[in-house]
PDB file of N, CA and C in Angstrom:
ATOM      1  N   MET A   1     105.446-104.746  50.995  1.00  0.00           N
ATOM      2  CA  MET A   1     105.452-103.434  50.402  1.00  0.00           C
ATOM      3  C   MET A   1     105.935-103.543  48.957  1.00  0.00           C
ATOM      4  N   GLU A   2     105.188-102.964  48.043  1.00  0.00           N
ATOM      5  CA  GLU A   2     105.564-102.997  46.628  1.00  0.00           C
ATOM      6  C   GLU A   2     105.978-101.603  46.179  1.00  0.00           C
ATOM      7  N   GLU A   3     107.053-101.568  45.393  1.00  0.00           N
ATOM      8  CA  GLU A   3     107.589-100.303  44.915  1.00  0.00           C
ATOM      9  C   GLU A   3     107.989-100.473  43.453  1.00  0.00           C
ATOM     10  N   GLU A   4     107.658 -99.494  42.628  1.00  0.00           N
ATOM     11  CA  GLU A   4     108.078 -99.492  41.227  1.00  0.00           C
ATOM     12  C   GLU A   4     109.059 -98.356  41.018  1.00  0.00           C
ATOM     13  N   ILE A   5     110.188 -98.668  40.364  1.00  0.00           N
ATOM     14  CA  ILE A   5     111.169 -97.632  40.062  1.00  0.00           C
ATOM     15  C   ILE A   5     111.597 -97.748  38.601  1.00  0.00           C
ATOM     16  N   LEU A   6     111.991 -96.625  38.037  1.00  0.00           N
ATOM     17  CA  LEU A   6     112.448 -96.548  36.649  1.00  0.00           C
ATOM     18  C   LEU A   6     113.933 -96.253  36.665  1.00  0.00           C
ATOM     19  N   LEU A   7     114.738 -97.165  36.119  1.00  0.00           N
ATOM     20  CA  LEU A   7     116.193 -97.028  36.128  1.00  0.00           C
ATOM     21  C   LEU A   7     116.760 -97.295  34.742  1.00  0.00           C
ATOM     22  N   THR A   8     117.951 -96.767  34.476  1.00  0.00           N
ATOM     23  CA  THR A   8     118.674 -97.136  33.264  1.00  0.00           C
ATOM     24  C   THR A   8     119.214 -98.549  33.463  1.00  0.00           C
ATOM     25  N   VAL A   9     119.720 -99.156  32.421  1.00  0.00           N
ATOM     26  CA  VAL A   9     120.289-100.506  32.540  1.00  0.00           C
ATOM     27  C   VAL A   9     121.456-100.498  33.519  1.00  0.00           C
ATOM     28  N   ASP A  10     122.334 -99.502  33.419  1.00  0.00           N
ATOM     29  CA  ASP A  10     123.484 -99.435  34.325  1.00  0.00           C
ATOM     30  C   ASP A  10     123.035 -99.292  35.778  1.00  0.00           C
ATOM     31  N   GLU A  11     122.024 -98.467  36.025  1.00  0.00           N
ATOM     32  CA  GLU A  11     121.506 -98.297  37.384  1.00  0.00           C
ATOM     33  C   GLU A  11     120.865 -99.590  37.888  1.00  0.00           C
ATOM     34  N   ALA A  12     120.178-100.308  37.006  1.00  0.00           N
ATOM     35  CA  ALA A  12     119.554-101.574  37.394  1.00  0.00           C
ATOM     36  C   ALA A  12     120.612-102.613  37.760  1.00  0.00           C
ATOM     37  N   ILE A  13     121.703-102.663  37.014  1.00  0.00           N
ATOM     38  CA  ILE A  13     122.789-103.594  37.323  1.00  0.00           C
ATOM     39  C   ILE A  13     123.430-103.220  38.660  1.00  0.00           C
ATOM     40  N   GLU A  14     123.601-101.928  38.911  1.00  0.00           N
ATOM     41  CA  GLU A  14     124.122-101.485  40.210  1.00  0.00           C
ATOM     42  C   GLU A  14     123.173-101.864  41.337  1.00  0.00           C
ATOM     43  N   TYR A  15     121.874-101.760  41.093  1.00  0.00           N
ATOM     44  CA  TYR A  15     120.887-102.169  42.089  1.00  0.00           C
ATOM     45  C   TYR A  15     121.066-103.656  42.419  1.00  0.00           C
ATOM     46  N   VAL A  16     121.195-104.491  41.395  1.00  0.00           N
ATOM     47  CA  VAL A  16     121.384-105.928  41.616  1.00  0.00           C
ATOM     48  C   VAL A  16     122.655-106.165  42.417  1.00  0.00           C
ATOM     49  N   ARG A  17     123.728-105.487  42.053  1.00  0.00           N
ATOM     50  CA  ARG A  17     125.012-105.650  42.740  1.00  0.00           C
ATOM     51  C   ARG A  17     124.901-105.288  44.223  1.00  0.00           C
ATOM     52  N   ASN A  18     124.176-104.214  44.535  1.00  0.00           N
ATOM     53  CA  ASN A  18     124.159-103.692  45.904  1.00  0.00           C
ATOM     54  C   ASN A  18     122.996-104.171  46.769  1.00  0.00           C
ATOM     55  N   GLU A  19     121.883-104.557  46.167  1.00  0.00           N
ATOM     56  CA  GLU A  19     120.674-104.827  46.945  1.00  0.00           C
ATOM     57  C   GLU A  19     120.229-106.291  46.965  1.00  0.00           C
ATOM     58  N   VAL A  20     120.642-107.070  45.976  1.00  0.00           N
ATOM     59  CA  VAL A  20     120.165-108.452  45.872  1.00  0.00           C
ATOM     60  C   VAL A  20     121.089-109.376  46.658  1.00  0.00           C
ATOM     61  N   ASN A  21     120.483-110.288  47.409  1.00  0.00           N
ATOM     62  CA  ASN A  21     121.232-111.231  48.234  1.00  0.00           C
ATOM     63  C   ASN A  21     120.857-112.663  47.875  1.00  0.00           C
ATOM     64  N   VAL A  22     121.740-113.589  48.232  1.00  0.00           N
ATOM     65  CA  VAL A  22     121.459-115.013  48.052  1.00  0.00           C
ATOM     66  C   VAL A  22     120.184-115.346  48.819  1.00  0.00           C
ATOM     67  N   GLY A  23     119.287-116.090  48.195  1.00  0.00           N
ATOM     68  CA  GLY A  23     118.016-116.466  48.801  1.00  0.00           C
ATOM     69  C   GLY A  23     116.859-115.584  48.375  1.00  0.00           C
ATOM     70  N   ASP A  24     117.155-114.383  47.847  1.00  0.00           N
ATOM     71  CA  ASP A  24     116.096-113.521  47.310  1.00  0.00           C
ATOM     72  C   ASP A  24     115.545-114.134  46.032  1.00  0.00           C
ATOM     73  N   THR A  25     114.397-113.662  45.614  1.00  0.00           N
ATOM     74  CA  THR A  25     113.825-114.088  44.341  1.00  0.00           C
ATOM     75  C   THR A  25     113.993-112.961  43.331  1.00  0.00           C
ATOM     76  N   LEU A  26     114.491-113.303  42.137  1.00  0.00           N
ATOM     77  CA  LEU A  26     114.588-112.353  41.028  1.00  0.00           C
ATOM     78  C   LEU A  26     113.773-112.891  39.873  1.00  0.00           C
ATOM     79  N   GLU A  27     113.002-112.009  39.270  1.00  0.00           N
ATOM     80  CA  GLU A  27     112.294-112.330  38.033  1.00  0.00           C
ATOM     81  C   GLU A  27     112.848-111.377  36.987  1.00  0.00           C
ATOM     82  N   ILE A  28     113.613-111.915  36.056  1.00  0.00           N
ATOM     83  CA  ILE A  28     114.306-111.101  35.061  1.00  0.00           C
ATOM     84  C   ILE A  28     113.627-111.279  33.708  1.00  0.00           C
ATOM     85  N   SER A  29     113.229-110.160  33.110  1.00  0.00           N
ATOM     86  CA  SER A  29     112.629-110.177  31.774  1.00  0.00           C
ATOM     87  C   SER A  29     113.596-109.522  30.804  1.00  0.00           C
ATOM     88  N   TYR A  30     113.980-110.278  29.785  1.00  0.00           N
ATOM     89  CA  TYR A  30     114.849-109.727  28.746  1.00  0.00           C
ATOM     90  C   TYR A  30     114.518-110.408  27.434  1.00  0.00           C
ATOM     91  N   ASN A  31     114.634-109.607  26.359  1.00  0.00           N
ATOM     92  CA  ASN A  31     114.273-110.077  25.028  1.00  0.00           C
ATOM     93  C   ASN A  31     112.888-110.720  25.106  1.00  0.00           C
ATOM     94  N   ARG A  32     112.746-111.969  24.836  1.00  0.00           N
ATOM     95  CA  ARG A  32     111.460-112.673  24.956  1.00  0.00           C
ATOM     96  C   ARG A  32     111.515-113.738  26.042  1.00  0.00           C
ATOM     97  N   ILE A  33     112.413-113.540  26.990  1.00  0.00           N
ATOM     98  CA  ILE A  33     112.634-114.528  28.038  1.00  0.00           C
ATOM     99  C   ILE A  33     112.202-113.981  29.385  1.00  0.00           C
ATOM    100  N   PHE A  34     111.555-114.820  30.166  1.00  0.00           N
ATOM    101  CA  PHE A  34     111.185-114.502  31.539  1.00  0.00           C
ATOM    102  C   PHE A  34     111.823-115.559  32.418  1.00  0.00           C
ATOM    103  N   ALA A  35     112.756-115.151  33.271  1.00  0.00           N
ATOM    104  CA  ALA A  35     113.503-116.091  34.107  1.00  0.00           C
ATOM    105  C   ALA A  35     113.252-115.789  35.583  1.00  0.00           C
ATOM    106  N   PRO A  36     112.290-116.491  36.205  1.00  0.00           N
ATOM    107  CA  PRO A  36     112.060-116.300  37.633  1.00  0.00           C
ATOM    108  C   PRO A  36     112.799-117.363  38.443  1.00  0.00           C
ATOM    109  N   GLY A  37     113.422-116.952  39.541  1.00  0.00           N
ATOM    110  CA  GLY A  37     114.091-117.957  40.350  1.00  0.00           C
ATOM    111  C   GLY A  37     114.721-117.402  41.604  1.00  0.00           C
ATOM    112  N   GLU A  38     115.176-118.323  42.429  1.00  0.00           N
ATOM    113  CA  GLU A  38     115.856-117.968  43.676  1.00  0.00           C
ATOM    114  C   GLU A  38     117.334-117.731  43.387  1.00  0.00           C
ATOM    115  N   VAL A  39     117.879-116.661  43.953  1.00  0.00           N
ATOM    116  CA  VAL A  39     119.283-116.315  43.744  1.00  0.00           C
ATOM    117  C   VAL A  39     120.165-117.310  44.498  1.00  0.00           C
ATOM    118  N   LEU A  40     121.042-117.987  43.744  1.00  0.00           N
ATOM    119  CA  LEU A  40     121.993-118.936  44.325  1.00  0.00           C
ATOM    120  C   LEU A  40     123.333-118.277  44.606  1.00  0.00           C
ATOM    121  N   GLY A  41     123.672-117.263  43.811  1.00  0.00           N
ATOM    122  CA  GLY A  41     124.949-116.582  43.981  1.00  0.00           C
ATOM    123  C   GLY A  41     125.089-115.423  43.028  1.00  0.00           C
ATOM    124  N   ILE A  42     125.966-114.488  43.387  1.00  0.00           N
ATOM    125  CA  ILE A  42     126.252-113.323  42.544  1.00  0.00           C
ATOM    126  C   ILE A  42     127.762-113.281  42.341  1.00  0.00           C
ATOM    127  N   THR A  43     128.175-113.201  41.076  1.00  0.00           N
ATOM    128  CA  THR A  43     129.591-113.181  40.737  1.00  0.00           C
ATOM    129  C   THR A  43     129.915-111.850  40.076  1.00  0.00           C
ATOM    130  N   GLU A  44     130.922-111.173  40.618  1.00  0.00           N
ATOM    131  CA  GLU A  44     131.330-109.875  40.078  1.00  0.00           C
ATOM    132  C   GLU A  44     131.931-110.026  38.683  1.00  0.00           C
ATOM    133  N   GLU A  45     132.100-108.902  38.010  1.00  0.00           N
ATOM    134  CA  GLU A  45     132.682-108.882  36.677  1.00  0.00           C
ATOM    135  C   GLU A  45     134.085-109.477  36.693  1.00  0.00           C
ATOM    136  N   ASP A  46     134.479-110.041  35.552  1.00  0.00           N
ATOM    137  CA  ASP A  46     135.802-110.620  35.398  1.00  0.00           C
ATOM    138  C   ASP A  46     136.446-109.987  34.168  1.00  0.00           C
ATOM    139  N   GLU A  47     137.439-109.127  34.388  1.00  0.00           N
ATOM    140  CA  GLU A  47     138.079-108.417  33.279  1.00  0.00           C
ATOM    141  C   GLU A  47     138.862-109.359  32.370  1.00  0.00           C
ATOM    142  N   GLU A  48     139.418-110.433  32.929  1.00  0.00           N
ATOM    143  CA  GLU A  48     140.196-111.373  32.116  1.00  0.00           C
ATOM    144  C   GLU A  48     139.331-112.075  31.081  1.00  0.00           C
ATOM    145  N   THR A  49     138.147-112.531  31.500  1.00  0.00           N
ATOM    146  CA  THR A  49     137.273-113.262  30.586  1.00  0.00           C
ATOM    147  C   THR A  49     136.281-112.349  29.871  1.00  0.00           C
ATOM    148  N   GLY A  50     136.111-111.112  30.367  1.00  0.00           N
ATOM    149  CA  GLY A  50     135.170-110.185  29.763  1.00  0.00           C
ATOM    150  C   GLY A  50     133.736-110.391  30.208  1.00  0.00           C
ATOM    151  N   GLU A  51     133.528-111.254  31.199  1.00  0.00           N
ATOM    152  CA  GLU A  51     132.171-111.506  31.675  1.00  0.00           C
ATOM    153  C   GLU A  51     131.703-110.348  32.546  1.00  0.00           C
ATOM    154  N   GLY A  52     130.405-110.090  32.505  1.00  0.00           N
ATOM    155  CA  GLY A  52     129.824-109.049  33.325  1.00  0.00           C
ATOM    156  C   GLY A  52     129.336-109.597  34.646  1.00  0.00           C
ATOM    157  N   LEU A  53     128.582-108.799  35.375  1.00  0.00           N
ATOM    158  CA  LEU A  53     127.979-109.239  36.623  1.00  0.00           C
ATOM    159  C   LEU A  53     127.070-110.415  36.313  1.00  0.00           C
ATOM    160  N   ARG A  54     127.254-111.528  37.053  1.00  0.00           N
ATOM    161  CA  ARG A  54     126.484-112.735  36.794  1.00  0.00           C
ATOM    162  C   ARG A  54     125.691-113.133  38.027  1.00  0.00           C
ATOM    163  N   VAL A  55     124.455-113.557  37.796  1.00  0.00           N
ATOM    164  CA  VAL A  55     123.583-114.012  38.870  1.00  0.00           C
ATOM    165  C   VAL A  55     123.194-115.458  38.584  1.00  0.00           C
ATOM    166  N   GLY A  56     123.434-116.326  39.563  1.00  0.00           N
ATOM    167  CA  GLY A  56     123.012-117.723  39.453  1.00  0.00           C
ATOM    168  C   GLY A  56     121.604-117.852  40.012  1.00  0.00           C
ATOM    169  N   LEU A  57     120.707-118.457  39.250  1.00  0.00           N
ATOM    170  CA  LEU A  57     119.320-118.621  39.663  1.00  0.00           C
ATOM    171  C   LEU A  57     118.910-120.089  39.627  1.00  0.00           C
ATOM    172  N   GLN A  58     118.151-120.502  40.619  1.00  0.00           N
ATOM    173  CA  GLN A  58     117.453-121.788  40.588  1.00  0.00           C
ATOM    174  C   GLN A  58     116.068-121.459  40.066  1.00  0.00           C
ATOM    175  N   LEU A  59     115.817-121.786  38.805  1.00  0.00           N
ATOM    176  CA  LEU A  59     114.557-121.409  38.164  1.00  0.00           C
ATOM    177  C   LEU A  59     113.370-122.071  38.843  1.00  0.00           C
ATOM    178  N   ASN A  60     112.262-121.331  38.917  1.00  0.00           N
ATOM    179  CA  ASN A  60     110.999-121.844  39.451  1.00  0.00           C
ATOM    180  C   ASN A  60     110.161-122.353  38.291  1.00  0.00           C
ATOM    181  N   GLY A  61     109.510-123.448  38.479  1.00  0.00           N
ATOM    182  CA  GLY A  61     108.624-123.941  37.442  1.00  0.00           C
ATOM    183  C   GLY A  61     108.294-125.401  37.636  1.00  0.00           C
ATOM    184  N   GLU A  62     107.151-125.794  37.088  1.00  0.00           N
ATOM    185  CA  GLU A  62     106.737-127.183  37.189  1.00  0.00           C
ATOM    186  C   GLU A  62     107.430-128.049  36.145  1.00  0.00           C
ATOM    187  N   ILE A  63     107.610-127.511  34.964  1.00  0.00           N
ATOM    188  CA  ILE A  63     108.221-128.278  33.884  1.00  0.00           C
ATOM    189  C   ILE A  63     109.740-128.065  33.872  1.00  0.00           C
ATOM    190  N   LEU A  64     110.154-126.810  34.013  1.00  0.00           N
ATOM    191  CA  LEU A  64     111.565-126.466  33.947  1.00  0.00           C
ATOM    192  C   LEU A  64     112.023-126.001  35.320  1.00  0.00           C
ATOM    193  N   ASN A  65     112.911-126.749  35.946  1.00  0.00           N
ATOM    194  CA  ASN A  65     113.410-126.407  37.269  1.00  0.00           C
ATOM    195  C   ASN A  65     114.903-126.699  37.285  1.00  0.00           C
ATOM    196  N   GLN A  66     115.685-125.726  36.837  1.00  0.00           N
ATOM    197  CA  GLN A  66     117.113-125.938  36.744  1.00  0.00           C
ATOM    198  C   GLN A  66     117.864-124.687  37.165  1.00  0.00           C
ATOM    199  N   ALA A  67     119.157-124.827  37.379  1.00  0.00           N
ATOM    200  CA  ALA A  67     120.002-123.694  37.729  1.00  0.00           C
ATOM    201  C   ALA A  67     120.596-123.107  36.454  1.00  0.00           C
ATOM    202  N   VAL A  68     120.582-121.772  36.377  1.00  0.00           N
ATOM    203  CA  VAL A  68     121.169-121.062  35.246  1.00  0.00           C
ATOM    204  C   VAL A  68     121.984-119.891  35.780  1.00  0.00           C
ATOM    205  N   GLU A  69     122.889-119.402  34.951  1.00  0.00           N
ATOM    206  CA  GLU A  69     123.644-118.205  35.293  1.00  0.00           C
ATOM    207  C   GLU A  69     123.373-117.167  34.215  1.00  0.00           C
ATOM    208  N   ILE A  70     122.937-115.993  34.650  1.00  0.00           N
ATOM    209  CA  ILE A  70     122.616-114.927  33.716  1.00  0.00           C
ATOM    210  C   ILE A  70     123.701-113.862  33.812  1.00  0.00           C
ATOM    211  N   ASP A  71     124.327-113.564  32.676  1.00  0.00           N
ATOM    212  CA  ASP A  71     125.383-112.560  32.580  1.00  0.00           C
ATOM    213  C   ASP A  71     124.742-111.261  32.101  1.00  0.00           C
ATOM    214  N   PHE A  72     124.746-110.243  32.955  1.00  0.00           N
ATOM    215  CA  PHE A  72     124.093-108.984  32.602  1.00  0.00           C
ATOM    216  C   PHE A  72     124.782-108.265  31.443  1.00  0.00           C
ATOM    217  N   LYS A  73     126.044-108.566  31.192  1.00  0.00           N
ATOM    218  CA  LYS A  73     126.726-107.978  30.030  1.00  0.00           C
ATOM    219  C   LYS A  73     126.135-108.545  28.739  1.00  0.00           C
ATOM    220  N   GLU A  74     125.784-109.830  28.751  1.00  0.00           N
ATOM    221  CA  GLU A  74     125.218-110.471  27.570  1.00  0.00           C
ATOM    222  C   GLU A  74     123.789-110.013  27.276  1.00  0.00           C
ATOM    223  N   ILE A  75     123.029-109.685  28.324  1.00  0.00           N
ATOM    224  CA  ILE A  75     121.624-109.292  28.112  1.00  0.00           C
ATOM    225  C   ILE A  75     121.432-107.782  28.220  1.00  0.00           C
ATOM    226  N   TYR A  76     122.525-107.029  28.272  1.00  0.00           N
ATOM    227  CA  TYR A  76     122.501-105.583  28.500  1.00  0.00           C
ATOM    228  C   TYR A  76     121.490-104.859  27.603  1.00  0.00           C
ATOM    229  N   ASP A  77     121.546-105.098  26.309  1.00  0.00           N
ATOM    230  CA  ASP A  77     120.678-104.398  25.354  1.00  0.00           C
ATOM    231  C   ASP A  77     119.249-104.925  25.336  1.00  0.00           C
ATOM    232  N   ASP A  78     119.006-106.084  25.930  1.00  0.00           N
ATOM    233  CA  ASP A  78     117.687-106.714  25.881  1.00  0.00           C
ATOM    234  C   ASP A  78     116.933-106.665  27.208  1.00  0.00           C
ATOM    235  N   LEU A  79     117.563-106.154  28.265  1.00  0.00           N
ATOM    236  CA  LEU A  79     116.945-106.142  29.591  1.00  0.00           C
ATOM    237  C   LEU A  79     115.719-105.231  29.603  1.00  0.00           C
ATOM    238  N   LEU A  80     114.589-105.757  30.073  1.00  0.00           N
ATOM    239  CA  LEU A  80     113.340-105.010  30.099  1.00  0.00           C
ATOM    240  C   LEU A  80     112.869-104.681  31.508  1.00  0.00           C
ATOM    241  N   GLU A  81     112.950-105.672  32.405  1.00  0.00           N
ATOM    242  CA  GLU A  81     112.408-105.481  33.749  1.00  0.00           C
ATOM    243  C   GLU A  81     113.029-106.485  34.705  1.00  0.00           C
ATOM    244  N   ILE A  82     113.178-106.065  35.958  1.00  0.00           N
ATOM    245  CA  ILE A  82     113.638-106.938  37.030  1.00  0.00           C
ATOM    246  C   ILE A  82     112.665-106.781  38.185  1.00  0.00           C
ATOM    247  N   ASN A  83     112.205-107.894  38.716  1.00  0.00           N
ATOM    248  CA  ASN A  83     111.358-107.891  39.894  1.00  0.00           C
ATOM    249  C   ASN A  83     112.159-108.534  41.018  1.00  0.00           C
ATOM    250  N   HIS A  84     112.446-107.765  42.073  1.00  0.00           N
ATOM    251  CA  HIS A  84     113.242-108.238  43.209  1.00  0.00           C
ATOM    252  C   HIS A  84     112.298-108.459  44.385  1.00  0.00           C
ATOM    253  N   ILE A  85     112.203-109.715  44.828  1.00  0.00           N
ATOM    254  CA  ILE A  85     111.262-110.078  45.882  1.00  0.00           C
ATOM    255  C   ILE A  85     112.032-110.605  47.092  1.00  0.00           C
ATOM    256  N   THR A  86     111.746-109.998  48.242  1.00  0.00           N
ATOM    257  CA  THR A  86     112.285-110.474  49.517  1.00  0.00           C
ATOM    258  C   THR A  86     111.103-110.685  50.455  1.00  0.00           C
ATOM    259  N   GLU A  87     111.391-111.099  51.687  1.00  0.00           N
ATOM    260  CA  GLU A  87     110.315-111.279  52.657  1.00  0.00           C
ATOM    261  C   GLU A  87     109.616-109.957  52.970  1.00  0.00           C
ATOM    262  N   ASP A  88     110.363-108.851  52.908  1.00  0.00           N
ATOM    263  CA  ASP A  88     109.839-107.550  53.319  1.00  0.00           C
ATOM    264  C   ASP A  88     109.320-106.679  52.190  1.00  0.00           C
ATOM    265  N   LYS A  89     109.799-106.905  50.973  1.00  0.00           N
ATOM    266  CA  LYS A  89     109.450-105.968  49.905  1.00  0.00           C
ATOM    267  C   LYS A  89     109.426-106.644  48.538  1.00  0.00           C
ATOM    268  N   ASN A  90     108.824-105.933  47.609  1.00  0.00           N
ATOM    269  CA  ASN A  90     108.775-106.335  46.208  1.00  0.00           C
ATOM    270  C   ASN A  90     109.102-105.088  45.396  1.00  0.00           C
ATOM    271  N   VAL A  91     110.287-105.056  44.775  1.00  0.00           N
ATOM    272  CA  VAL A  91     110.721-103.905  43.996  1.00  0.00           C
ATOM    273  C   VAL A  91     110.681-104.277  42.524  1.00  0.00           C
ATOM    274  N   ILE A  92     109.891-103.531  41.761  1.00  0.00           N
ATOM    275  CA  ILE A  92     109.789-103.741  40.319  1.00  0.00           C
ATOM    276  C   ILE A  92     110.623-102.663  39.645  1.00  0.00           C
ATOM    277  N   ILE A  93     111.629-103.095  38.913  1.00  0.00           N
ATOM    278  CA  ILE A  93     112.521-102.165  38.220  1.00  0.00           C
ATOM    279  C   ILE A  93     112.208-102.218  36.741  1.00  0.00           C
ATOM    280  N   GLU A  94     111.700-101.110  36.216  1.00  0.00           N
ATOM    281  CA  GLU A  94     111.469-100.994  34.782  1.00  0.00           C
ATOM    282  C   GLU A  94     112.648-100.250  34.174  1.00  0.00           C
ATOM    283  N   ILE A  95     113.079-100.700  33.010  1.00  0.00           N
ATOM    284  CA  ILE A  95     114.232-100.100  32.353  1.00  0.00           C
ATOM    285  C   ILE A  95     113.803 -98.884  31.547  1.00  0.00           C
ATOM    286  N   ASP A  96     114.519 -97.789  31.777  1.00  0.00           N
ATOM    287  CA  ASP A  96     114.253 -96.517  31.103  1.00  0.00           C
ATOM    288  C   ASP A  96     115.147 -96.447  29.861  1.00  0.00           C
ATOM    289  N   PHE A  97     114.531 -96.499  28.702  1.00  0.00           N
ATOM    290  CA  PHE A  97     115.288 -96.484  27.447  1.00  0.00           C
ATOM    291  C   PHE A  97     115.486 -95.067  26.912  1.00  0.00           C
ATOM    292  N   THR A  98     114.932 -94.056  27.577  1.00  0.00           N
ATOM    293  CA  THR A  98     115.030 -92.678  27.082  1.00  0.00           C
ATOM    294  C   THR A  98     116.341 -92.013  27.448  1.00  0.00           C
ATOM    295  N   LYS A  99     117.101 -92.598  28.375  1.00  0.00           N
ATOM    296  CA  LYS A  99     118.374 -91.972  28.790  1.00  0.00           C
ATOM    297  C   LYS A  99     119.531 -92.603  28.077  1.00  0.00           C
TER     298      LYS A  99
END
C-alpha cells in the first residue's frame, strides 16, 4: 500500500521518531543528496551535545555501500522528502514549506 502525506519538517521528524523501526528502509532526500538505506538504529536527541534525532543507515548501492548517521537537526532546513518502506506499506512524506 502506498500513501503520500504532506508534513512540516517538525511533523516529519516526529513521524520518524514514532513510526520508523530498525530494519525498515528510509530514502531521505535533502539538499542535493539522496540517501537510501536500511535503518540500523535511531538515537534520540542529546541536549548535552546539541545533536538532534539521528538515524543510522546502511546505504544501498553498488558503488557506495556504507553505514552513515544522519542528524535531522543538521539537515532541518534542507529536508525535502522521506520515503518510509516496510513490508506492508510505502509512505512518501513530502515536506510542506508553506507552514
